[in-house]
N, C-alpha and C. Protein backbone atom coordinates (compact mmCIF):
# COMPACT_ATOMS: atom_id res chain seq x y z
N MET A 1 0.64 -1.37 -0.13
CA MET A 1 0.19 0.42 -0.20
C MET A 1 1.00 1.05 0.23
N THR A 2 0.63 2.29 -0.90
CA THR A 2 0.96 3.64 -0.95
C THR A 2 0.36 4.60 -0.70
N THR A 3 0.56 5.77 -0.56
CA THR A 3 -0.44 7.10 -0.68
C THR A 3 0.48 8.29 -1.57
N SER A 4 -0.25 9.08 -1.81
CA SER A 4 -0.40 10.12 -2.90
C SER A 4 1.30 10.71 -2.26
N ILE A 5 1.65 10.61 -1.15
CA ILE A 5 3.07 10.82 -1.02
C ILE A 5 4.33 10.70 -1.46
N HIS A 6 3.89 9.42 -2.06
CA HIS A 6 5.26 8.73 -3.09
C HIS A 6 4.56 9.14 -4.04
N ILE A 7 3.76 9.42 -4.74
CA ILE A 7 3.57 9.97 -6.17
C ILE A 7 3.73 11.65 -5.85
N THR A 8 4.17 11.70 -5.07
CA THR A 8 4.52 13.23 -4.87
C THR A 8 5.81 13.17 -4.99
N ALA A 9 6.63 12.24 -4.08
CA ALA A 9 8.17 12.10 -4.12
C ALA A 9 8.73 12.07 -5.08
N LEU A 10 8.36 10.58 -6.13
CA LEU A 10 8.13 11.19 -7.35
C LEU A 10 7.96 12.25 -8.77
N ASP A 11 7.38 12.55 -8.17
CA ASP A 11 6.94 13.84 -9.17
C ASP A 11 7.90 15.17 -8.88
N GLY A 12 8.61 14.94 -7.98
CA GLY A 12 9.73 15.69 -7.46
C GLY A 12 11.06 15.71 -8.41
N ILE A 13 11.00 14.01 -8.02
CA ILE A 13 12.45 13.80 -8.89
C ILE A 13 12.24 13.90 -10.15
N VAL A 14 11.60 13.68 -10.87
CA VAL A 14 11.25 13.90 -12.24
C VAL A 14 11.29 15.59 -12.58
N ASN A 15 10.58 16.29 -11.47
CA ASN A 15 10.59 17.80 -12.43
C ASN A 15 12.09 18.39 -11.59
N VAL A 16 12.74 17.90 -10.86
CA VAL A 16 14.33 18.50 -10.63
C VAL A 16 15.32 17.83 -11.74
N ASN A 17 15.44 16.14 -11.49
CA ASN A 17 16.02 15.82 -13.04
C ASN A 17 15.38 16.79 -14.42
N SER A 18 14.30 17.06 -14.66
CA SER A 18 14.21 17.75 -15.78
C SER A 18 14.98 19.31 -15.94
N LEU A 19 14.79 19.57 -14.92
CA LEU A 19 15.90 20.67 -14.58
C LEU A 19 17.71 21.03 -14.62
N PHE A 20 17.80 19.38 -14.06
CA PHE A 20 19.26 19.43 -14.41
C PHE A 20 19.51 18.93 -15.38
N THR A 21 18.37 18.09 -16.15
CA THR A 21 18.77 17.83 -17.78
C THR A 21 18.75 18.81 -18.63
N LEU A 22 18.21 20.07 -18.48
CA LEU A 22 17.78 21.37 -18.88
C LEU A 22 19.23 22.49 -19.07
N ALA A 23 20.05 21.88 -18.01
CA ALA A 23 21.35 22.44 -17.50
C ALA A 23 22.67 21.71 -18.26
N VAL A 24 22.36 20.08 -18.52
CA VAL A 24 23.11 19.58 -19.38
C VAL A 24 23.12 19.86 -20.80
N PHE A 25 21.96 20.08 -21.00
CA PHE A 25 21.84 20.55 -22.76
C PHE A 25 22.44 21.57 -22.74
N ILE A 26 22.23 22.63 -22.37
CA ILE A 26 22.82 24.29 -22.48
C ILE A 26 24.54 24.03 -22.36
N GLY A 27 25.04 23.10 -21.22
CA GLY A 27 26.30 22.74 -21.21
C GLY A 27 26.58 21.98 -22.24
N LEU A 28 26.35 21.43 -23.07
CA LEU A 28 26.23 20.66 -24.20
C LEU A 28 27.04 21.23 -25.33
N ALA A 29 25.63 22.76 -25.25
CA ALA A 29 26.07 23.60 -26.57
C ALA A 29 26.81 24.26 -26.44
N TRP A 30 27.18 24.39 -25.22
CA TRP A 30 28.56 25.15 -25.08
C TRP A 30 29.67 24.48 -26.14
N ASN A 31 30.47 25.57 -26.57
CA ASN A 31 32.29 24.81 -27.36
C ASN A 31 33.23 25.03 -26.77
N PRO A 32 34.06 24.42 -26.15
CA PRO A 32 34.84 24.45 -25.04
C PRO A 32 36.10 24.73 -26.23
N SER A 33 36.43 24.43 -26.86
CA SER A 33 37.57 24.49 -27.68
C SER A 33 37.50 25.65 -28.49
N ASP A 34 36.22 26.66 -28.42
CA ASP A 34 36.76 27.90 -29.27
C ASP A 34 37.69 28.86 -27.94
N PRO A 35 38.28 29.52 -28.34
CA PRO A 35 39.87 30.07 -27.94
C PRO A 35 39.15 31.73 -27.18
N SER A 36 38.18 31.95 -27.46
CA SER A 36 37.49 32.76 -27.24
C SER A 36 36.72 32.80 -25.69
N ASN A 37 36.34 31.95 -25.75
CA ASN A 37 35.93 31.01 -24.25
C ASN A 37 36.19 31.05 -22.89
N SER A 38 38.08 31.31 -23.00
CA SER A 38 38.71 31.40 -22.24
C SER A 38 39.03 32.61 -21.57
N LEU A 39 39.18 32.78 -20.27
CA LEU A 39 39.40 33.82 -19.71
C LEU A 39 41.26 33.63 -19.49
N VAL A 40 41.79 32.74 -20.00
CA VAL A 40 43.25 32.02 -19.25
C VAL A 40 44.49 32.73 -20.30
N THR A 41 45.42 33.68 -19.72
CA THR A 41 46.21 34.14 -20.39
C THR A 41 47.56 34.10 -20.68
N ASP A 42 47.70 33.21 -19.60
CA ASP A 42 49.10 32.57 -19.65
C ASP A 42 49.28 31.31 -20.08
N PRO A 43 50.18 31.20 -21.11
CA PRO A 43 49.73 29.74 -21.90
C PRO A 43 49.83 28.50 -21.04
N ASN A 44 50.67 28.32 -20.03
CA ASN A 44 51.20 27.27 -19.41
C ASN A 44 50.03 27.25 -18.52
N CYS A 45 48.81 28.07 -18.33
CA CYS A 45 47.78 27.42 -17.85
C CYS A 45 46.25 27.04 -18.54
N SER A 46 46.75 27.15 -20.11
CA SER A 46 45.44 26.96 -21.42
C SER A 46 45.42 24.95 -21.30
N PRO A 47 43.87 24.82 -20.90
CA PRO A 47 42.85 24.02 -20.96
C PRO A 47 43.90 22.96 -22.12
N THR A 48 43.77 21.41 -21.33
CA THR A 48 44.17 20.74 -22.40
C THR A 48 42.94 20.34 -23.43
N ALA A 49 43.11 19.26 -24.18
CA ALA A 49 42.12 18.60 -24.90
C ALA A 49 41.74 17.46 -24.33
N ARG A 50 42.08 17.03 -23.33
CA ARG A 50 41.74 16.04 -22.22
C ARG A 50 40.20 16.51 -21.42
N MET A 51 40.29 18.04 -20.93
CA MET A 51 39.76 18.72 -19.95
C MET A 51 38.58 19.13 -20.79
N ALA A 52 38.88 19.36 -22.02
CA ALA A 52 37.06 19.37 -23.26
C ALA A 52 36.61 18.23 -23.54
N GLU A 53 37.56 16.69 -23.93
CA GLU A 53 36.83 15.58 -23.85
C GLU A 53 35.88 15.03 -22.37
N ASN A 54 36.73 15.18 -21.32
CA ASN A 54 36.03 15.03 -19.92
C ASN A 54 34.55 15.92 -20.03
N LEU A 55 34.96 17.19 -20.43
CA LEU A 55 34.08 18.16 -19.87
C LEU A 55 32.08 17.35 -20.96
N VAL A 56 32.70 17.03 -22.07
CA VAL A 56 31.59 16.44 -22.83
C VAL A 56 30.99 14.87 -22.50
N ALA A 57 32.32 14.24 -21.87
CA ALA A 57 31.92 12.93 -21.66
C ALA A 57 30.89 12.83 -20.17
N PHE A 58 31.19 13.84 -19.44
CA PHE A 58 30.37 13.99 -17.76
C PHE A 58 29.43 14.30 -18.26
N HIS A 59 28.73 15.55 -18.89
CA HIS A 59 28.01 15.77 -19.27
C HIS A 59 26.88 14.87 -20.08
N VAL A 60 27.43 13.83 -20.35
CA VAL A 60 26.76 12.74 -21.00
C VAL A 60 26.58 11.65 -20.00
N TYR A 61 26.91 11.46 -19.16
CA TYR A 61 27.28 10.62 -18.20
C TYR A 61 26.04 11.38 -17.34
N SER A 62 25.74 12.74 -17.08
CA SER A 62 24.81 12.92 -16.40
C SER A 62 23.52 13.22 -16.79
N PHE A 63 23.48 13.08 -18.35
CA PHE A 63 22.25 12.85 -19.08
C PHE A 63 21.61 11.74 -18.60
N ALA A 64 22.53 10.83 -18.92
CA ALA A 64 22.07 9.40 -18.86
C ALA A 64 21.63 8.83 -17.51
N SER A 65 22.28 9.42 -16.29
CA SER A 65 22.01 9.22 -15.13
C SER A 65 20.49 9.82 -14.90
N PHE A 66 20.53 11.19 -15.33
CA PHE A 66 18.84 11.99 -14.95
C PHE A 66 17.90 10.88 -16.01
N LEU A 67 18.26 10.66 -16.98
CA LEU A 67 16.99 10.42 -17.97
C LEU A 67 16.90 8.88 -17.23
N PHE A 68 17.85 8.01 -17.10
CA PHE A 68 17.16 6.98 -16.11
C PHE A 68 16.84 6.95 -15.06
N SER A 69 17.13 7.57 -14.06
CA SER A 69 16.40 8.26 -12.82
C SER A 69 14.68 8.27 -13.19
N SER A 70 14.49 9.61 -14.38
CA SER A 70 13.02 9.76 -14.47
C SER A 70 12.56 8.77 -15.11
N LEU A 71 12.94 8.37 -15.85
CA LEU A 71 11.94 6.81 -16.36
C LEU A 71 11.64 6.03 -15.53
N VAL A 72 12.50 5.63 -14.19
CA VAL A 72 11.91 4.91 -13.11
C VAL A 72 11.00 5.36 -12.44
N ALA A 73 10.97 6.42 -12.36
CA ALA A 73 10.18 7.42 -11.65
C ALA A 73 8.84 7.14 -12.17
N LEU A 74 9.05 7.43 -13.46
CA LEU A 74 7.74 7.44 -14.53
C LEU A 74 7.38 6.00 -14.09
N GLY A 75 8.25 5.38 -14.68
CA GLY A 75 7.32 4.06 -14.39
C GLY A 75 7.02 3.45 -13.35
N LEU A 76 7.46 3.87 -12.33
CA LEU A 76 6.83 3.84 -10.85
C LEU A 76 5.37 3.84 -10.68
N LYS A 77 5.15 5.48 -11.02
CA LYS A 77 3.99 6.16 -11.01
C LYS A 77 2.97 5.63 -12.13
N GLN A 78 3.37 5.33 -13.17
CA GLN A 78 2.47 4.50 -14.14
C GLN A 78 2.08 3.00 -13.31
N ALA A 79 2.73 2.66 -13.02
CA ALA A 79 2.58 0.78 -12.23
C ALA A 79 1.42 1.35 -11.01
N MET A 80 1.82 2.48 -10.25
CA MET A 80 0.58 2.70 -9.37
C MET A 80 -0.66 2.98 -10.13
N ARG A 81 -0.30 3.48 -10.95
CA ARG A 81 -2.03 4.04 -11.73
C ARG A 81 -2.56 3.13 -12.40
N LEU A 82 -2.01 2.50 -12.80
CA LEU A 82 -2.47 1.02 -13.42
C LEU A 82 -3.28 0.30 -12.50
N ASN A 83 -2.34 0.03 -11.46
CA ASN A 83 -2.73 -1.16 -10.23
C ASN A 83 -4.07 -0.53 -9.71
N ILE A 84 -4.15 0.98 -9.62
CA ILE A 84 -5.40 1.63 -9.00
C ILE A 84 -6.89 1.43 -9.85
N ALA A 85 -6.41 1.89 -11.07
CA ALA A 85 -7.43 1.84 -12.13
C ALA A 85 -7.86 -0.05 -12.68
N SER A 86 -7.14 -0.70 -12.21
CA SER A 86 -7.81 -2.10 -11.88
C SER A 86 -8.39 -2.36 -10.61
N SER A 87 -8.49 -1.77 -9.70
CA SER A 87 -8.85 -2.44 -9.16
C SER A 87 -10.06 -1.46 -8.50
N PHE A 88 -10.43 -0.66 -9.31
CA PHE A 88 -11.33 -0.15 -8.86
C PHE A 88 -12.79 -0.71 -9.48
N THR A 89 -13.51 -1.22 -8.63
CA THR A 89 -14.55 -2.00 -9.12
C THR A 89 -16.20 -1.73 -9.09
N HIS A 90 -16.07 -0.33 -7.80
CA HIS A 90 -17.06 0.08 -7.74
C HIS A 90 -16.64 2.03 -7.99
N PHE A 91 -17.83 2.75 -7.95
CA PHE A 91 -17.47 4.15 -7.52
C PHE A 91 -18.47 4.79 -5.94
N SER A 92 -17.49 4.97 -5.54
CA SER A 92 -18.18 5.94 -4.06
C SER A 92 -18.30 7.00 -4.34
N THR A 93 -19.58 7.74 -3.64
CA THR A 93 -19.93 9.26 -3.68
C THR A 93 -18.89 10.03 -2.96
N ARG A 94 -18.47 9.22 -2.14
CA ARG A 94 -17.66 9.79 -1.06
C ARG A 94 -16.14 10.35 -1.28
N ILE A 95 -15.41 10.98 -0.78
CA ILE A 95 -13.99 11.60 -1.40
C ILE A 95 -12.95 10.42 -0.49
N ASP A 96 -12.70 9.53 -1.14
CA ASP A 96 -11.62 8.69 -0.38
C ASP A 96 -10.21 9.02 -0.49
N PRO A 97 -9.22 8.74 0.65
CA PRO A 97 -7.94 9.69 0.27
C PRO A 97 -7.21 8.57 -0.70
N VAL A 98 -6.65 9.00 -1.84
CA VAL A 98 -5.67 8.10 -2.64
C VAL A 98 -4.85 7.25 -2.33
N VAL A 99 -5.49 5.91 -2.25
CA VAL A 99 -4.31 4.89 -1.77
C VAL A 99 -4.30 3.68 -3.01
N TYR A 100 -3.03 3.51 -2.82
CA TYR A 100 -2.53 2.56 -4.38
C TYR A 100 -2.14 1.49 -3.35
N TYR A 101 -2.56 0.39 -3.56
CA TYR A 101 -2.14 -1.39 -3.58
C TYR A 101 -0.89 -1.73 -4.33
N VAL A 102 0.61 -1.79 -4.12
CA VAL A 102 1.54 -1.88 -4.84
C VAL A 102 2.40 -2.44 -3.88
N ASN A 103 3.36 -3.37 -4.51
CA ASN A 103 4.72 -3.95 -4.00
C ASN A 103 5.40 -2.99 -2.98
N LYS A 104 4.93 -3.18 -1.75
CA LYS A 104 6.02 -1.87 -1.16
C LYS A 104 7.44 -2.28 -1.14
N THR A 105 7.87 -3.31 -1.73
CA THR A 105 9.71 -3.87 -1.90
C THR A 105 9.68 -3.44 -3.15
N ALA A 106 8.98 -3.80 -3.95
CA ALA A 106 9.31 -3.13 -5.58
C ALA A 106 9.43 -1.49 -5.33
N LEU A 107 8.62 -1.08 -4.53
CA LEU A 107 8.40 0.29 -4.85
C LEU A 107 9.77 1.15 -4.27
N ARG A 108 10.26 0.75 -3.01
CA ARG A 108 11.23 1.20 -2.35
C ARG A 108 12.94 0.91 -3.42
N PHE A 109 12.74 -0.34 -4.38
CA PHE A 109 13.64 -0.46 -4.72
C PHE A 109 13.77 0.64 -5.72
N GLY A 110 12.55 0.52 -6.55
CA GLY A 110 12.55 1.48 -7.46
C GLY A 110 13.04 3.05 -6.99
N MET A 111 12.35 3.35 -6.10
CA MET A 111 12.56 4.75 -5.60
C MET A 111 14.09 4.90 -5.18
N VAL A 112 15.02 3.87 -4.67
CA VAL A 112 16.37 3.89 -4.50
C VAL A 112 17.00 3.96 -5.86
N ILE A 113 16.55 3.46 -6.29
CA ILE A 113 17.25 3.49 -7.95
C ILE A 113 17.25 4.50 -8.47
N SER A 114 16.00 5.16 -8.41
CA SER A 114 15.39 6.69 -8.97
C SER A 114 16.40 7.70 -8.21
N GLY A 115 16.85 7.72 -7.22
CA GLY A 115 17.29 8.53 -6.23
C GLY A 115 19.23 8.25 -6.73
N LEU A 116 19.18 6.99 -6.70
CA LEU A 116 20.71 6.78 -7.05
C LEU A 116 21.07 7.30 -8.36
N GLY A 117 20.08 7.06 -9.24
CA GLY A 117 20.42 7.56 -10.71
C GLY A 117 20.72 9.37 -10.79
N SER A 118 19.94 10.00 -9.62
CA SER A 118 19.78 11.52 -9.47
C SER A 118 21.08 11.69 -8.80
N VAL A 119 21.47 11.16 -7.90
CA VAL A 119 22.44 10.91 -7.07
C VAL A 119 24.06 11.43 -7.95
N CYS A 120 23.82 10.36 -9.11
CA CYS A 120 25.18 9.93 -10.11
C CYS A 120 25.01 11.57 -10.90
N GLY A 121 23.73 11.49 -11.51
CA GLY A 121 23.71 12.54 -12.09
C GLY A 121 24.24 13.82 -12.03
N CYS A 122 24.05 13.94 -9.97
CA CYS A 122 24.90 15.37 -9.85
C CYS A 122 26.23 15.25 -9.72
N GLY A 123 26.71 13.83 -9.55
CA GLY A 123 28.22 14.15 -9.12
C GLY A 123 28.70 14.00 -10.66
N PHE A 124 28.22 13.71 -11.98
CA PHE A 124 28.56 13.80 -13.24
C PHE A 124 28.60 15.29 -13.41
N LEU A 125 27.44 15.95 -13.43
CA LEU A 125 27.27 17.52 -13.43
C LEU A 125 28.48 18.08 -12.90
N MET A 126 28.58 18.08 -11.25
CA MET A 126 29.62 18.47 -10.83
C MET A 126 31.22 18.10 -11.06
N LEU A 127 31.53 17.02 -11.31
CA LEU A 127 32.89 17.37 -12.46
C LEU A 127 32.47 17.66 -14.09
N ALA A 128 31.51 17.64 -14.83
CA ALA A 128 31.79 18.44 -15.88
C ALA A 128 31.50 19.98 -15.54
N LEU A 129 31.43 20.46 -14.11
CA LEU A 129 31.52 21.78 -14.31
C LEU A 129 32.87 22.11 -13.30
N ILE A 130 33.21 21.14 -12.66
CA ILE A 130 35.05 21.32 -12.54
C ILE A 130 35.74 21.89 -13.67
N ASN A 131 35.09 20.88 -15.11
CA ASN A 131 36.46 20.91 -15.90
C ASN A 131 35.99 22.26 -16.52
N VAL A 132 34.78 22.73 -16.91
CA VAL A 132 34.13 23.93 -17.62
C VAL A 132 35.15 25.05 -16.44
N VAL A 133 34.98 25.43 -15.42
CA VAL A 133 35.99 26.40 -14.54
C VAL A 133 37.73 26.41 -15.20
N GLN A 134 38.11 24.95 -15.14
CA GLN A 134 39.55 24.52 -15.78
C GLN A 134 39.70 25.08 -17.37
N ILE A 135 38.64 25.40 -18.11
CA ILE A 135 38.88 25.80 -19.36
C ILE A 135 38.33 27.25 -19.39
N LYS A 136 37.69 27.79 -18.48
CA LYS A 136 37.54 29.13 -18.05
C LYS A 136 38.38 29.98 -17.52
N LEU A 137 38.67 29.59 -16.52
CA LEU A 137 40.23 30.21 -15.64
C LEU A 137 41.09 29.49 -15.75
N GLY A 138 41.66 28.29 -15.87
CA GLY A 138 42.95 28.25 -15.67
C GLY A 138 42.82 26.50 -14.98
N SER A 139 43.76 25.61 -15.78
CA SER A 139 44.25 24.12 -14.86
C SER A 139 44.31 24.30 -13.67
N PHE A 140 44.32 23.20 -12.84
CA PHE A 140 44.62 23.39 -11.49
C PHE A 140 46.01 23.17 -11.44
N GLY A 141 47.08 22.61 -12.41
CA GLY A 141 48.54 22.41 -12.41
C GLY A 141 49.31 24.19 -12.61
N CYS A 142 48.24 24.62 -12.87
CA CYS A 142 48.98 26.23 -12.91
C CYS A 142 48.69 26.96 -11.75
N GLY A 143 49.99 27.38 -11.43
CA GLY A 143 50.39 28.40 -10.19
C GLY A 143 49.40 29.28 -9.56
N ALA A 144 49.04 30.43 -10.80
CA ALA A 144 48.45 31.27 -11.04
C ALA A 144 47.03 30.89 -11.07
N SER A 145 46.53 30.32 -10.62
CA SER A 145 45.04 29.37 -11.16
C SER A 145 44.40 29.92 -9.67
N GLY A 146 44.82 30.79 -8.33
CA GLY A 146 43.86 30.93 -7.29
C GLY A 146 42.40 31.24 -7.74
N HIS A 147 42.20 31.77 -8.77
CA HIS A 147 40.74 32.29 -8.88
C HIS A 147 39.65 30.40 -9.26
N THR A 148 40.81 29.55 -9.87
CA THR A 148 39.82 28.00 -10.34
C THR A 148 40.04 27.49 -9.00
N TYR A 149 40.68 27.78 -7.99
CA TYR A 149 40.60 27.08 -6.97
C TYR A 149 39.31 27.66 -6.02
N ALA A 150 39.13 29.03 -5.90
CA ALA A 150 38.18 29.45 -5.36
C ALA A 150 36.81 29.46 -5.92
N ALA A 151 36.77 28.92 -7.18
CA ALA A 151 35.21 28.39 -7.74
C ALA A 151 35.20 27.32 -7.40
N VAL A 152 36.13 26.29 -7.54
CA VAL A 152 35.96 24.67 -7.44
C VAL A 152 35.83 24.06 -6.01
N VAL A 153 36.29 25.02 -4.68
CA VAL A 153 36.33 24.61 -3.73
C VAL A 153 34.65 24.73 -3.08
N PRO A 154 34.04 25.66 -3.22
CA PRO A 154 32.58 25.25 -2.73
C PRO A 154 31.52 24.79 -3.45
N LEU A 155 32.44 24.49 -4.61
CA LEU A 155 31.78 23.66 -5.49
C LEU A 155 31.56 21.88 -5.13
N LEU A 156 33.28 21.65 -4.69
CA LEU A 156 33.38 20.65 -3.63
C LEU A 156 32.82 20.51 -2.62
N ILE A 157 32.71 21.28 -1.43
CA ILE A 157 31.87 21.32 -0.76
C ILE A 157 30.38 21.23 -0.25
N LEU A 158 29.91 22.25 -1.69
CA LEU A 158 28.64 22.20 -1.03
C LEU A 158 27.73 20.80 -1.44
N VAL A 159 27.80 20.95 -3.02
CA VAL A 159 27.19 19.55 -3.89
C VAL A 159 27.26 18.25 -2.97
N PRO A 160 28.79 17.71 -2.43
CA PRO A 160 29.08 16.42 -1.63
C PRO A 160 28.00 16.55 -0.12
N SER A 161 28.00 17.79 0.37
CA SER A 161 27.10 17.89 1.35
C SER A 161 25.84 18.26 1.31
N ALA A 162 25.21 18.54 0.11
CA ALA A 162 23.80 18.20 -0.50
C ALA A 162 23.46 17.14 -0.61
N LEU A 163 24.06 16.09 -1.17
CA LEU A 163 24.04 14.90 -1.53
C LEU A 163 24.07 14.10 -0.20
N PHE A 164 24.92 14.16 0.35
CA PHE A 164 24.96 13.60 1.79
C PHE A 164 23.60 13.61 1.96
N ILE A 165 22.91 14.83 2.52
CA ILE A 165 22.08 15.30 3.27
C ILE A 165 20.53 14.69 2.15
N TYR A 166 20.55 14.36 0.87
CA TYR A 166 19.55 14.09 0.21
C TYR A 166 19.48 12.57 0.57
N VAL A 167 20.64 11.41 0.34
CA VAL A 167 21.00 10.68 0.50
C VAL A 167 20.17 10.23 2.12
N SER A 168 20.96 10.74 2.94
CA SER A 168 20.44 10.64 4.89
C SER A 168 19.15 10.26 4.76
N LEU A 169 18.36 11.85 4.13
CA LEU A 169 16.96 11.63 4.20
C LEU A 169 16.16 10.97 3.31
N MET A 170 16.51 10.48 2.17
CA MET A 170 15.63 9.68 1.58
C MET A 170 15.98 7.76 2.20
N LEU A 171 16.99 7.65 2.68
CA LEU A 171 17.24 6.22 3.68
C LEU A 171 16.33 6.21 5.09
N TYR A 172 16.32 7.83 5.46
CA TYR A 172 15.60 7.72 6.51
C TYR A 172 14.20 7.50 6.77
N ALA A 173 13.98 8.13 5.00
CA ALA A 173 12.28 7.78 4.93
C ALA A 173 12.09 6.80 4.59
N PHE A 174 12.52 5.71 4.20
CA PHE A 174 12.33 4.40 4.33
C PHE A 174 12.57 3.41 5.25
N THR A 175 13.19 4.02 6.44
CA THR A 175 13.08 3.04 7.50
C THR A 175 11.88 3.51 8.56
N ARG A 176 10.91 4.75 7.94
CA ARG A 176 10.19 5.05 8.35
C ARG A 176 8.58 4.36 8.30
């Protein structure tokens, strides 16, 4: 048995993944090899071709993870809706709370897999953003790239912290 709370949680996953997928497409539309896209003036700090390759690869991995997560969440929602549609044999005149009868283990497994896809997508998007910073501001190996570290350090602190909170709350919700 499940409730509309599960449907709302699945809607939230799909909506957030849609926003991140839009960000990935915008990132893929950017040409990292265009020399006018970089703020680097020191040739020793110039980005390498490997950084541009990693940028595209991490964007694709991120897109695949968000798409996987959204499709699993939408599949779970559809399964719940199909189950409730087949279980209606009578119509009531009073308003009943929305209750879906589904396999609780399958629902939890699907929600964990969907959440894991979102977490992986966020991780890959963070790695892509690190490559964007290196292309725009200079590589990490360059001694004069203080702006690069200033841009990446908050990213490396805030994103994993938010992912830790998300995973902790998701696991807490499944134990209750």
